[in-house]
């Protein structure tokens, strides 16, 4: 069965990688059907009820998508093709007899010139003629048309509460320190790590606990390691605010007081630059030592997700990791973040 994920568009790769990570958590069997601008369509195999329940859980985890739709149909992006597709589609798997509906349309960036109000009206008429009543204020079912490289029509399964991440912005937490990851990015990285509820996630450079807060909200037990005592105390305040199940240690990421193969996932944003080199013997020593420790404490077959300004592939290779994927995000003219996903085989 086809499902469409309406992507936020804030990054070319991160939203898709986040979805893939969440599908892994739910152990769903899928393959990519189509990838349009700000829309990923997947063919997910299994019973509809089980898939829907899993996708509802995924919707509660995601940060870089807007909506998840159960696809009615996909066609070329022109008015006649959209109406023909709607008229010829069976919507009985999307709306039950006696339920009401509304149609909403969204055009992605520059795609197409069809007016949303016009196409909503015609699609509403098509569904009405199939025997269903419209209700613009309190519908039972929302049909959503995404106008991207193609037209994707589907029934809304769930929407992502992106506003919750704004409420957790760094400046609104009890303890703030500049240069931290924004909550949506931190959550996406946690999702990419495939950590499940009840599992253990480690951040060996935990700072103010932005990553740990997002993992804690997914019911993971989080462990943070921070060399600066003041920052560690502030991180405790942030974690307490969100009732996280956590352990915080003050110490050196190159000498971690954890057993071998004791954590299920690692997500971290190591320091870089001159200040980091002063704290350690050198930046090279800090990275080589911390990567060796991350490899040691991570369970076999699990993932580490590392954010950095520089390439960490050599450090990862030396530690024994396999590089799964690498992608970048341009923050501004002088800053590009590199995301490296590693696996311990």
C-alpha atoms as a PDB file:
ATOM      1  CA  UNK A   1       0.000   0.000   0.000  1.00  0.00           C
ATOM      2  CA  UNK A   2       1.285   3.471  -0.877  1.00  0.00           C
ATOM      3  CA  UNK A   3       1.872   6.133   1.756  1.00  0.00           C
ATOM      4  CA  UNK A   4       3.134   9.668   1.184  1.00  0.00           C
ATOM      5  CA  UNK A   5       5.243  11.708   3.590  1.00  0.00           C
ATOM      6  CA  UNK A   6       4.931  15.462   3.100  1.00  0.00           C
ATOM      7  CA  UNK A   7       8.447  16.713   3.864  1.00  0.00           C
ATOM      8  CA  UNK A   8       9.340  20.021   5.484  1.00  0.00           C
ATOM      9  CA  UNK A   9      11.814  21.015   2.769  1.00  0.00           C
ATOM     10  CA  UNK A  10      14.322  22.453   5.248  1.00  0.00           C
ATOM     11  CA  UNK A  11      16.995  19.989   4.117  1.00  0.00           C
ATOM     12  CA  UNK A  12      17.427  17.814   1.042  1.00  0.00           C
ATOM     13  CA  UNK A  13      18.425  14.599   2.833  1.00  0.00           C
ATOM     14  CA  UNK A  14      17.753  14.826   6.579  1.00  0.00           C
ATOM     15  CA  UNK A  15      13.923  14.438   6.453  1.00  0.00           C
ATOM     16  CA  UNK A  16      14.188  11.285   4.306  1.00  0.00           C
ATOM     17  CA  UNK A  17      16.912   9.749   6.487  1.00  0.00           C
ATOM     18  CA  UNK A  18      14.758  10.464   9.530  1.00  0.00           C
ATOM     19  CA  UNK A  19      11.782   8.640   7.999  1.00  0.00           C
ATOM     20  CA  UNK A  20      13.973   5.653   7.105  1.00  0.00           C
ATOM     21  CA  UNK A  21      15.229   5.508  10.684  1.00  0.00           C
ATOM     22  CA  UNK A  22      11.685   5.538  12.062  1.00  0.00           C
ATOM     23  CA  UNK A  23      10.593   2.795   9.656  1.00  0.00           C
ATOM     24  CA  UNK A  24      13.485   0.732  11.010  1.00  0.00           C
ATOM     25  CA  UNK A  25      12.324   1.292  14.584  1.00  0.00           C
ATOM     26  CA  UNK A  26       8.850   0.027  13.636  1.00  0.00           C
ATOM     27  CA  UNK A  27      10.389  -2.808  11.567  1.00  0.00           C
ATOM     28  CA  UNK A  28       8.219  -2.025   8.546  1.00  0.00           C
ATOM     29  CA  UNK A  29       8.893  -3.714   5.192  1.00  0.00           C
ATOM     30  CA  UNK A  30       8.939  -1.071   2.453  1.00  0.00           C
ATOM     31  CA  UNK A  31      10.501   0.168  -0.745  1.00  0.00           C
ATOM     32  CA  UNK A  32      10.655   3.631  -2.273  1.00  0.00           C
ATOM     33  CA  UNK A  33       7.931   4.172  -4.871  1.00  0.00           C
ATOM     34  CA  UNK A  34       8.649   7.796  -5.802  1.00  0.00           C
ATOM     35  CA  UNK A  35      10.581  10.760  -4.444  1.00  0.00           C
ATOM     36  CA  UNK A  36       9.219  14.147  -5.484  1.00  0.00           C
ATOM     37  CA  UNK A  37      10.136  17.593  -4.230  1.00  0.00           C
ATOM     38  CA  UNK A  38       9.072  17.655  -0.557  1.00  0.00           C
ATOM     39  CA  UNK A  39       7.174  14.391  -0.925  1.00  0.00           C
ATOM     40  CA  UNK A  40       8.371  10.824  -0.396  1.00  0.00           C
ATOM     41  CA  UNK A  41       6.060   7.986  -1.477  1.00  0.00           C
ATOM     42  CA  UNK A  42       6.710   4.526  -0.052  1.00  0.00           C
ATOM     43  CA  UNK A  43       5.166   1.152  -0.808  1.00  0.00           C
ATOM     44  CA  UNK A  44       4.743  -0.385   2.656  1.00  0.00           C
ATOM     45  CA  UNK A  45       3.874  -4.061   2.877  1.00  0.00           C
ATOM     46  CA  UNK A  46       1.671  -5.621   5.530  1.00  0.00           C
ATOM     47  CA  UNK A  47      -1.889  -5.390   6.842  1.00  0.00           C
ATOM     48  CA  UNK A  48      -3.427  -1.925   6.575  1.00  0.00           C
ATOM     49  CA  UNK A  49      -4.340  -1.810  10.265  1.00  0.00           C
ATOM     50  CA  UNK A  50      -0.834  -2.724  11.423  1.00  0.00           C
ATOM     51  CA  UNK A  51       0.756  -0.246   9.020  1.00  0.00           C
ATOM     52  CA  UNK A  52      -1.552   2.554  10.114  1.00  0.00           C
ATOM     53  CA  UNK A  53      -0.778   1.936  13.801  1.00  0.00           C
ATOM     54  CA  UNK A  54       2.954   1.931  13.120  1.00  0.00           C
ATOM     55  CA  UNK A  55       2.743   5.133  11.081  1.00  0.00           C
ATOM     56  CA  UNK A  56       0.779   6.840  13.856  1.00  0.00           C
ATOM     57  CA  UNK A  57       3.692   6.029  16.193  1.00  0.00           C
ATOM     58  CA  UNK A  58       6.138   7.315  13.594  1.00  0.00           C
ATOM     59  CA  UNK A  59       4.139  10.532  13.322  1.00  0.00           C
ATOM     60  CA  UNK A  60       4.738  11.124  17.030  1.00  0.00           C
ATOM     61  CA  UNK A  61       8.506  10.769  16.492  1.00  0.00           C
ATOM     62  CA  UNK A  62       9.087  12.776  13.304  1.00  0.00           C
ATOM     63  CA  UNK A  63      10.340  16.363  13.277  1.00  0.00           C
ATOM     64  CA  UNK A  64      11.044  17.148   9.608  1.00  0.00           C
ATOM     65  CA  UNK A  65       7.768  16.117   7.982  1.00  0.00           C
ATOM     66  CA  UNK A  66       4.369  17.798   7.986  1.00  0.00           C
ATOM     67  CA  UNK A  67       1.882  15.005   7.250  1.00  0.00           C
ATOM     68  CA  UNK A  68       1.579  11.300   6.464  1.00  0.00           C
ATOM     69  CA  UNK A  69      -1.043  10.348   3.848  1.00  0.00           C
ATOM     70  CA  UNK A  70      -2.551   7.084   2.696  1.00  0.00           C
ATOM     71  CA  UNK A  71      -2.344   7.503  -1.078  1.00  0.00           C
ATOM     72  CA  UNK A  72      -5.506   7.550  -3.195  1.00  0.00           C
ATOM     73  CA  UNK A  73      -3.730   8.187  -6.475  1.00  0.00           C
ATOM     74  CA  UNK A  74      -0.794   9.845  -8.244  1.00  0.00           C
ATOM     75  CA  UNK A  75      -0.964  11.568 -11.632  1.00  0.00           C
ATOM     76  CA  UNK A  76       0.555  14.275 -13.797  1.00  0.00           C
ATOM     77  CA  UNK A  77       0.401  17.798 -12.460  1.00  0.00           C
ATOM     78  CA  UNK A  78      -2.367  19.241 -14.607  1.00  0.00           C
ATOM     79  CA  UNK A  79      -5.977  19.996 -13.744  1.00  0.00           C
ATOM     80  CA  UNK A  80      -7.644  17.505 -16.085  1.00  0.00           C
ATOM     81  CA  UNK A  81      -5.393  14.634 -14.982  1.00  0.00           C
ATOM     82  CA  UNK A  82      -6.104  15.373 -11.309  1.00  0.00           C
ATOM     83  CA  UNK A  83      -9.884  15.337 -11.780  1.00  0.00           C
ATOM     84  CA  UNK A  84      -9.733  12.214 -13.969  1.00  0.00           C
ATOM     85  CA  UNK A  85      -7.626  10.478 -11.317  1.00  0.00           C
ATOM     86  CA  UNK A  86     -10.054  11.463  -8.551  1.00  0.00           C
ATOM     87  CA  UNK A  87     -13.140  10.420 -10.542  1.00  0.00           C
ATOM     88  CA  UNK A  88     -11.635   7.013 -11.276  1.00  0.00           C
ATOM     89  CA  UNK A  89     -10.359   6.318  -7.756  1.00  0.00           C
ATOM     90  CA  UNK A  90     -11.981   4.060  -5.190  1.00  0.00           C
ATOM     91  CA  UNK A  91     -11.961   5.943  -1.862  1.00  0.00           C
ATOM     92  CA  UNK A  92     -13.721   3.209   0.127  1.00  0.00           C
ATOM     93  CA  UNK A  93     -10.438   2.339   1.898  1.00  0.00           C
ATOM     94  CA  UNK A  94     -10.118   5.955   3.012  1.00  0.00           C
ATOM     95  CA  UNK A  95     -13.605   6.937   4.192  1.00  0.00           C
ATOM     96  CA  UNK A  96     -16.481   4.899   5.628  1.00  0.00           C
ATOM     97  CA  UNK A  97     -20.146   5.241   4.818  1.00  0.00           C
ATOM     98  CA  UNK A  98     -21.646   8.063   6.862  1.00  0.00           C
ATOM     99  CA  UNK A  99     -18.333   9.826   7.433  1.00  0.00           C
ATOM    100  CA  UNK A 100     -17.788  13.402   6.262  1.00  0.00           C
ATOM    101  CA  UNK A 101     -14.788  14.867   4.479  1.00  0.00           C
ATOM    102  CA  UNK A 102     -12.947  17.994   3.442  1.00  0.00           C
ATOM    103  CA  UNK A 103     -10.324  18.518   0.717  1.00  0.00           C
ATOM    104  CA  UNK A 104      -7.155  20.528   1.244  1.00  0.00           C
ATOM    105  CA  UNK A 105      -4.518  21.235  -1.418  1.00  0.00           C
ATOM    106  CA  UNK A 106      -0.965  22.521  -1.194  1.00  0.00           C
ATOM    107  CA  UNK A 107       1.393  23.552  -3.964  1.00  0.00           C
ATOM    108  CA  UNK A 108       5.066  22.888  -3.236  1.00  0.00           C
ATOM    109  CA  UNK A 109       7.198  25.921  -4.000  1.00  0.00           C
ATOM    110  CA  UNK A 110       7.176  26.653  -7.752  1.00  0.00           C
ATOM    111  CA  UNK A 111       5.381  23.472  -8.844  1.00  0.00           C
ATOM    112  CA  UNK A 112       2.371  24.072 -11.106  1.00  0.00           C
ATOM    113  CA  UNK A 113       0.003  27.007 -11.480  1.00  0.00           C
ATOM    114  CA  UNK A 114      -3.275  25.357 -10.434  1.00  0.00           C
ATOM    115  CA  UNK A 115      -5.191  27.426  -7.907  1.00  0.00           C
ATOM    116  CA  UNK A 116      -5.677  25.483  -4.693  1.00  0.00           C
ATOM    117  CA  UNK A 117      -9.232  26.747  -4.120  1.00  0.00           C
ATOM    118  CA  UNK A 118     -10.344  25.655  -7.579  1.00  0.00           C
ATOM    119  CA  UNK A 119      -8.895  22.147  -7.383  1.00  0.00           C
ATOM    120  CA  UNK A 120     -10.231  21.673  -3.836  1.00  0.00           C
ATOM    121  CA  UNK A 121     -13.730  22.450  -5.093  1.00  0.00           C
ATOM    122  CA  UNK A 122     -13.570  20.043  -8.007  1.00  0.00           C
ATOM    123  CA  UNK A 123     -12.047  17.253  -5.902  1.00  0.00           C
ATOM    124  CA  UNK A 124     -14.720  17.801  -3.282  1.00  0.00           C
ATOM    125  CA  UNK A 125     -17.364  17.436  -5.967  1.00  0.00           C
ATOM    126  CA  UNK A 126     -15.803  14.211  -7.199  1.00  0.00           C
ATOM    127  CA  UNK A 127     -15.854  12.663  -3.719  1.00  0.00           C
ATOM    128  CA  UNK A 128     -19.388  13.997  -3.080  1.00  0.00           C
ATOM    129  CA  UNK A 129     -20.632  12.215  -6.192  1.00  0.00           C
ATOM    130  CA  UNK A 130     -19.314   8.960  -4.737  1.00  0.00           C
ATOM    131  CA  UNK A 131     -21.897   9.325  -1.960  1.00  0.00           C
ATOM    132  CA  UNK A 132     -20.023  11.156   0.817  1.00  0.00           C
ATOM    133  CA  UNK A 133     -20.924  14.424   2.542  1.00  0.00           C
ATOM    134  CA  UNK A 134     -18.574  17.354   2.947  1.00  0.00           C
ATOM    135  CA  UNK A 135     -17.976  19.092   6.274  1.00  0.00           C
ATOM    136  CA  UNK A 136     -15.607  22.023   6.101  1.00  0.00           C
ATOM    137  CA  UNK A 137     -15.337  22.598   9.872  1.00  0.00           C
ATOM    138  CA  UNK A 138     -15.237  19.194  11.574  1.00  0.00           C
ATOM    139  CA  UNK A 139     -14.691  16.488   8.932  1.00  0.00           C
ATOM    140  CA  UNK A 140     -14.076  12.860   9.786  1.00  0.00           C
ATOM    141  CA  UNK A 141     -11.585  12.506   6.934  1.00  0.00           C
ATOM    142  CA  UNK A 142      -9.229  15.048   5.363  1.00  0.00           C
ATOM    143  CA  UNK A 143      -8.247  14.414   1.750  1.00  0.00           C
ATOM    144  CA  UNK A 144      -5.025  16.218   0.907  1.00  0.00           C
ATOM    145  CA  UNK A 145      -3.610  16.992  -2.540  1.00  0.00           C
ATOM    146  CA  UNK A 146       0.130  17.613  -2.750  1.00  0.00           C
ATOM    147  CA  UNK A 147       1.086  19.424  -5.949  1.00  0.00           C
ATOM    148  CA  UNK A 148       4.789  18.741  -6.415  1.00  0.00           C
ATOM    149  CA  UNK A 149       6.565  17.274  -9.493  1.00  0.00           C
ATOM    150  CA  UNK A 150       3.372  15.205  -9.781  1.00  0.00           C
ATOM    151  CA  UNK A 151      -0.007  15.388  -8.055  1.00  0.00           C
ATOM    152  CA  UNK A 152      -0.383  13.119  -5.020  1.00  0.00           C
ATOM    153  CA  UNK A 153      -3.853  12.690  -3.511  1.00  0.00           C
ATOM    154  CA  UNK A 154      -4.317  10.920  -0.209  1.00  0.00           C
ATOM    155  CA  UNK A 155      -6.278  10.744   3.016  1.00  0.00           C
ATOM    156  CA  UNK A 156      -4.588  12.287   6.032  1.00  0.00           C
ATOM    157  CA  UNK A 157      -3.393   9.628   8.463  1.00  0.00           C
ATOM    158  CA  UNK A 158      -1.573  11.915  10.906  1.00  0.00           C
ATOM    159  CA  UNK A 159       0.078  15.323  11.189  1.00  0.00           C
ATOM    160  CA  UNK A 160       3.360  16.119  12.907  1.00  0.00           C
ATOM    161  CA  UNK A 161       3.227  18.586  15.807  1.00  0.00           C
ATOM    162  CA  UNK A 162       6.120  20.769  14.717  1.00  0.00           C
ATOM    163  CA  UNK A 163       5.105  23.532  17.100  1.00  0.00           C
ATOM    164  CA  UNK A 164       6.222  21.374  20.031  1.00  0.00           C
ATOM    165  CA  UNK A 165       9.811  21.736  18.861  1.00  0.00           C
ATOM    166  CA  UNK A 166       9.536  25.522  18.927  1.00  0.00           C
ATOM    167  CA  UNK A 167       8.424  25.308  22.566  1.00  0.00           C
ATOM    168  CA  UNK A 168      11.648  23.379  23.266  1.00  0.00           C
ATOM    169  CA  UNK A 169      13.961  25.874  21.544  1.00  0.00           C
ATOM    170  CA  UNK A 170      17.280  26.301  23.417  1.00  0.00           C
ATOM    171  CA  UNK A 171      16.419  29.794  24.679  1.00  0.00           C
ATOM    172  CA  UNK A 172      13.232  28.513  26.355  1.00  0.00           C
ATOM    173  CA  UNK A 173      14.988  25.844  28.417  1.00  0.00           C
ATOM    174  CA  UNK A 174      16.203  26.517  31.973  1.00  0.00           C
ATOM    175  CA  UNK A 175      19.856  26.431  30.893  1.00  0.00           C
ATOM    176  CA  UNK A 176      21.073  27.909  27.611  1.00  0.00           C
ATOM    177  CA  UNK A 177      24.491  27.897  25.970  1.00  0.00           C
ATOM    178  CA  UNK A 178      25.144  29.204  22.422  1.00  0.00           C
ATOM    179  CA  UNK A 179      25.928  26.962  19.463  1.00  0.00           C
ATOM    180  CA  UNK A 180      23.644  24.039  20.230  1.00  0.00           C
ATOM    181  CA  UNK A 181      21.566  22.030  17.749  1.00  0.00           C
ATOM    182  CA  UNK A 182      17.959  23.066  17.298  1.00  0.00           C
ATOM    183  CA  UNK A 183      15.428  20.533  18.647  1.00  0.00           C
ATOM    184  CA  UNK A 184      14.102  19.505  15.208  1.00  0.00           C
ATOM    185  CA  UNK A 185      17.605  18.634  14.015  1.00  0.00           C
ATOM    186  CA  UNK A 186      18.442  16.860  17.277  1.00  0.00           C
ATOM    187  CA  UNK A 187      15.224  14.800  17.058  1.00  0.00           C
ATOM    188  CA  UNK A 188      15.901  13.881  13.431  1.00  0.00           C
ATOM    189  CA  UNK A 189      19.373  12.606  14.358  1.00  0.00           C
ATOM    190  CA  UNK A 190      17.968  10.589  17.248  1.00  0.00           C
ATOM    191  CA  UNK A 191      15.451   9.040  14.846  1.00  0.00           C
ATOM    192  CA  UNK A 192      18.221   8.217  12.369  1.00  0.00           C
ATOM    193  CA  UNK A 193      20.005   6.317  15.167  1.00  0.00           C
ATOM    194  CA  UNK A 194      17.004   3.911  15.340  1.00  0.00           C
ATOM    195  CA  UNK A 195      16.901   3.991  19.143  1.00  0.00           C
ATOM    196  CA  UNK A 196      13.747   2.359  20.532  1.00  0.00           C
ATOM    197  CA  UNK A 197      11.797   3.069  23.729  1.00  0.00           C
ATOM    198  CA  UNK A 198      13.569   1.533  26.697  1.00  0.00           C
ATOM    199  CA  UNK A 199      16.933   1.358  24.936  1.00  0.00           C
ATOM    200  CA  UNK A 200      20.066   3.273  25.930  1.00  0.00           C
ATOM    201  CA  UNK A 201      21.351   6.259  23.938  1.00  0.00           C
ATOM    202  CA  UNK A 202      24.715   7.863  24.674  1.00  0.00           C
ATOM    203  CA  UNK A 203      25.937  11.357  23.867  1.00  0.00           C
ATOM    204  CA  UNK A 204      29.627  11.518  24.879  1.00  0.00           C
ATOM    205  CA  UNK A 205      29.698  15.292  24.242  1.00  0.00           C
ATOM    206  CA  UNK A 206      26.304  16.034  25.755  1.00  0.00           C
ATOM    207  CA  UNK A 207      26.653  19.770  26.415  1.00  0.00           C
ATOM    208  CA  UNK A 208      23.317  21.249  27.491  1.00  0.00           C
ATOM    209  CA  UNK A 209      21.549  17.936  26.690  1.00  0.00           C
ATOM    210  CA  UNK A 210      19.657  19.016  23.567  1.00  0.00           C
ATOM    211  CA  UNK A 211      20.113  15.588  21.963  1.00  0.00           C
ATOM    212  CA  UNK A 212      19.417  13.779  25.238  1.00  0.00           C
ATOM    213  CA  UNK A 213      16.154  15.674  25.780  1.00  0.00           C
ATOM    214  CA  UNK A 214      14.844  14.582  22.363  1.00  0.00           C
ATOM    215  CA  UNK A 215      15.852  10.960  22.945  1.00  0.00           C
ATOM    216  CA  UNK A 216      14.372  11.056  26.443  1.00  0.00           C
ATOM    217  CA  UNK A 217      11.045  12.224  25.052  1.00  0.00           C
ATOM    218  CA  UNK A 218      11.037   9.010  22.976  1.00  0.00           C
ATOM    219  CA  UNK A 219      11.318   6.990  26.221  1.00  0.00           C
ATOM    220  CA  UNK A 220      14.957   6.059  25.758  1.00  0.00           C
ATOM    221  CA  UNK A 221      17.271   5.949  28.776  1.00  0.00           C
ATOM    222  CA  UNK A 222      19.880   8.591  27.976  1.00  0.00           C
ATOM    223  CA  UNK A 223      23.469   8.851  29.168  1.00  0.00           C
ATOM    224  CA  UNK A 224      25.425  12.064  28.807  1.00  0.00           C
ATOM    225  CA  UNK A 225      29.129  12.683  29.256  1.00  0.00           C
ATOM    226  CA  UNK A 226      30.388  16.264  29.601  1.00  0.00           C
ATOM    227  CA  UNK A 227      33.860  17.446  30.597  1.00  0.00           C
ATOM    228  CA  UNK A 228      32.673  20.867  31.893  1.00  0.00           C
ATOM    229  CA  UNK A 229      31.031  20.563  35.310  1.00  0.00           C
ATOM    230  CA  UNK A 230      29.048  23.812  34.972  1.00  0.00           C
ATOM    231  CA  UNK A 231      27.533  22.704  31.654  1.00  0.00           C
ATOM    232  CA  UNK A 232      26.706  19.289  33.100  1.00  0.00           C
ATOM    233  CA  UNK A 233      24.794  20.923  35.951  1.00  0.00           C
ATOM    234  CA  UNK A 234      22.855  22.994  33.421  1.00  0.00           C
ATOM    235  CA  UNK A 235      22.101  19.886  31.357  1.00  0.00           C
ATOM    236  CA  UNK A 236      20.587  18.277  34.448  1.00  0.00           C
ATOM    237  CA  UNK A 237      18.175  21.223  34.755  1.00  0.00           C
ATOM    238  CA  UNK A 238      17.080  20.796  31.122  1.00  0.00           C
ATOM    239  CA  UNK A 239      16.571  17.047  31.464  1.00  0.00           C
ATOM    240  CA  UNK A 240      14.596  17.459  34.677  1.00  0.00           C
ATOM    241  CA  UNK A 241      12.276  19.921  32.930  1.00  0.00           C
ATOM    242  CA  UNK A 242      11.234  17.178  30.485  1.00  0.00           C
ATOM    243  CA  UNK A 243      11.205  14.302  33.021  1.00  0.00           C
ATOM    244  CA  UNK A 244      13.858  12.356  31.133  1.00  0.00           C
ATOM    245  CA  UNK A 245      15.211   9.021  32.334  1.00  0.00           C
ATOM    246  CA  UNK A 246      18.880   9.981  32.370  1.00  0.00           C
ATOM    247  CA  UNK A 247      22.363   9.516  33.772  1.00  0.00           C
ATOM    248  CA  UNK A 248      24.916  12.335  33.536  1.00  0.00           C
ATOM    249  CA  UNK A 249      28.636  11.899  34.036  1.00  0.00           C
ATOM    250  CA  UNK A 250      31.331  14.551  34.281  1.00  0.00           C
ATOM    251  CA  UNK A 251      34.335  13.206  32.453  1.00  0.00           C
ATOM    252  CA  UNK A 252      36.466  12.712  29.363  1.00  0.00           C
ATOM    253  CA  UNK A 253      34.914  11.241  26.195  1.00  0.00           C
ATOM    254  CA  UNK A 254      38.276   9.547  25.517  1.00  0.00           C
ATOM    255  CA  UNK A 255      37.947   7.549  28.742  1.00  0.00           C
ATOM    256  CA  UNK A 256      34.309   6.509  29.116  1.00  0.00           C
ATOM    257  CA  UNK A 257      33.285   4.730  32.335  1.00  0.00           C
ATOM    258  CA  UNK A 258      30.919   2.356  30.530  1.00  0.00           C
ATOM    259  CA  UNK A 259      31.126  -1.360  29.811  1.00  0.00           C
ATOM    260  CA  UNK A 260      31.906  -2.745  26.372  1.00  0.00           C
ATOM    261  CA  UNK A 261      28.852  -3.031  24.074  1.00  0.00           C
ATOM    262  CA  UNK A 262      26.555  -1.449  26.647  1.00  0.00           C
ATOM    263  CA  UNK A 263      24.663   1.196  24.624  1.00  0.00           C
ATOM    264  CA  UNK A 264      22.129   0.785  21.811  1.00  0.00           C
ATOM    265  CA  UNK A 265      22.714   4.080  19.976  1.00  0.00           C
ATOM    266  CA  UNK A 266      25.052   7.069  19.952  1.00  0.00           C
ATOM    267  CA  UNK A 267      24.182  10.552  18.758  1.00  0.00           C
ATOM    268  CA  UNK A 268      26.667  13.357  19.341  1.00  0.00           C
ATOM    269  CA  UNK A 269      27.883  16.777  18.235  1.00  0.00           C
ATOM    270  CA  UNK A 270      31.587  16.859  19.210  1.00  0.00           C
ATOM    271  CA  UNK A 271      33.260  20.206  19.869  1.00  0.00           C
ATOM    272  CA  UNK A 272      35.654  21.594  17.318  1.00  0.00           C
ATOM    273  CA  UNK A 273      38.020  24.502  16.972  1.00  0.00           C
ATOM    274  CA  UNK A 274      40.631  25.973  19.245  1.00  0.00           C
ATOM    275  CA  UNK A 275      38.692  25.733  22.529  1.00  0.00           C
ATOM    276  CA  UNK A 276      38.180  22.009  22.037  1.00  0.00           C
ATOM    277  CA  UNK A 277      41.864  21.513  21.285  1.00  0.00           C
ATOM    278  CA  UNK A 278      42.789  23.360  24.499  1.00  0.00           C
ATOM    279  CA  UNK A 279      40.476  21.124  26.574  1.00  0.00           C
ATOM    280  CA  UNK A 280      42.130  18.006  25.108  1.00  0.00           C
ATOM    281  CA  UNK A 281      45.753  17.347  24.205  1.00  0.00           C
ATOM    282  CA  UNK A 282      44.810  18.165  20.608  1.00  0.00           C
ATOM    283  CA  UNK A 283      41.736  18.013  18.393  1.00  0.00           C
ATOM    284  CA  UNK A 284      43.169  14.894  16.717  1.00  0.00           C
ATOM    285  CA  UNK A 285      43.616  13.214  20.092  1.00  0.00           C
ATOM    286  CA  UNK A 286      40.087  14.157  21.137  1.00  0.00           C
ATOM    287  CA  UNK A 287      38.507  12.714  18.008  1.00  0.00           C
ATOM    288  CA  UNK A 288      40.621   9.571  17.736  1.00  0.00           C
ATOM    289  CA  UNK A 289      40.168   8.742  21.422  1.00  0.00           C
ATOM    290  CA  UNK A 290      36.430   9.462  21.529  1.00  0.00           C
ATOM    291  CA  UNK A 291      35.698   7.477  18.365  1.00  0.00           C
ATOM    292  CA  UNK A 292      37.578   4.491  19.770  1.00  0.00           C
ATOM    293  CA  UNK A 293      35.473   4.725  22.937  1.00  0.00           C
ATOM    294  CA  UNK A 294      32.224   5.099  20.984  1.00  0.00           C
ATOM    295  CA  UNK A 295      33.061   1.953  19.049  1.00  0.00           C
ATOM    296  CA  UNK A 296      33.895   0.077  22.246  1.00  0.00           C
ATOM    297  CA  UNK A 297      30.664   0.879  24.127  1.00  0.00           C
ATOM    298  CA  UNK A 298      28.241   0.557  21.173  1.00  0.00           C
ATOM    299  CA  UNK A 299      26.484  -2.765  20.640  1.00  0.00           C
ATOM    300  CA  UNK A 300      27.251  -4.734  17.501  1.00  0.00           C
ATOM    301  CA  UNK A 301      25.020  -3.895  14.548  1.00  0.00           C
ATOM    302  CA  UNK A 302      23.885  -0.556  16.002  1.00  0.00           C
ATOM    303  CA  UNK A 303      24.377   3.025  14.788  1.00  0.00           C
ATOM    304  CA  UNK A 304      26.308   6.123  15.791  1.00  0.00           C
ATOM    305  CA  UNK A 305      25.312   9.499  14.300  1.00  0.00           C
ATOM    306  CA  UNK A 306      27.972  12.221  14.458  1.00  0.00           C
ATOM    307  CA  UNK A 307      27.626  15.935  13.605  1.00  0.00           C
ATOM    308  CA  UNK A 308      30.802  17.848  12.817  1.00  0.00           C
ATOM    309  CA  UNK A 309      32.319  20.707  10.864  1.00  0.00           C
ATOM    310  CA  UNK A 310      35.041  18.454   9.533  1.00  0.00           C
ATOM    311  CA  UNK A 311      35.231  15.008   7.990  1.00  0.00           C
ATOM    312  CA  UNK A 312      35.370  12.245  10.600  1.00  0.00           C
ATOM    313  CA  UNK A 313      35.654   9.317   8.201  1.00  0.00           C
ATOM    314  CA  UNK A 314      39.325   8.645   8.973  1.00  0.00           C
ATOM    315  CA  UNK A 315      38.656   8.643  12.729  1.00  0.00           C
ATOM    316  CA  UNK A 316      35.655   6.340  12.191  1.00  0.00           C
ATOM    317  CA  UNK A 317      37.664   3.957   9.995  1.00  0.00           C
ATOM    318  CA  UNK A 318      40.515   3.806  12.500  1.00  0.00           C
ATOM    319  CA  UNK A 319      38.062   2.998  15.291  1.00  0.00           C
ATOM    320  CA  UNK A 320      36.527   0.143  13.282  1.00  0.00           C
ATOM    321  CA  UNK A 321      33.210   1.684  12.203  1.00  0.00           C
ATOM    322  CA  UNK A 322      31.593   1.141   8.827  1.00  0.00           C
ATOM    323  CA  UNK A 323      30.393   4.388   7.220  1.00  0.00           C
ATOM    324  CA  UNK A 324      26.695   4.039   6.310  1.00  0.00           C
ATOM    325  CA  UNK A 325      26.078   7.488   4.841  1.00  0.00           C
ATOM    326  CA  UNK A 326      27.423  11.045   4.869  1.00  0.00           C
ATOM    327  CA  UNK A 327      25.493  14.222   4.033  1.00  0.00           C
ATOM    328  CA  UNK A 328      25.897  17.935   4.713  1.00  0.00           C
ATOM    329  CA  UNK A 329      23.840  20.968   5.685  1.00  0.00           C
ATOM    330  CA  UNK A 330      24.936  24.518   4.858  1.00  0.00           C
ATOM    331  CA  UNK A 331      24.156  26.711   7.878  1.00  0.00           C
ATOM    332  CA  UNK A 332      25.651  29.943   6.565  1.00  0.00           C
ATOM    333  CA  UNK A 333      28.559  31.080   4.420  1.00  0.00           C
ATOM    334  CA  UNK A 334      31.251  29.975   6.896  1.00  0.00           C
ATOM    335  CA  UNK A 335      29.577  26.933   8.470  1.00  0.00           C
ATOM    336  CA  UNK A 336      28.659  23.604   6.900  1.00  0.00           C
ATOM    337  CA  UNK A 337      27.562  20.734   9.119  1.00  0.00           C
ATOM    338  CA  UNK A 338      28.500  17.191   8.147  1.00  0.00           C
ATOM    339  CA  UNK A 339      26.300  14.316   9.325  1.00  0.00           C
ATOM    340  CA  UNK A 340      28.004  10.938   9.400  1.00  0.00           C
ATOM    341  CA  UNK A 341      26.057   7.743  10.136  1.00  0.00           C
ATOM    342  CA  UNK A 342      28.232   4.852  11.321  1.00  0.00           C
ATOM    343  CA  UNK A 343      27.568   1.217  12.138  1.00  0.00           C
ATOM    344  CA  UNK A 344      29.482  -1.191  14.334  1.00  0.00           C
ATOM    345  CA  UNK A 345      29.608  -4.488  12.414  1.00  0.00           C
END
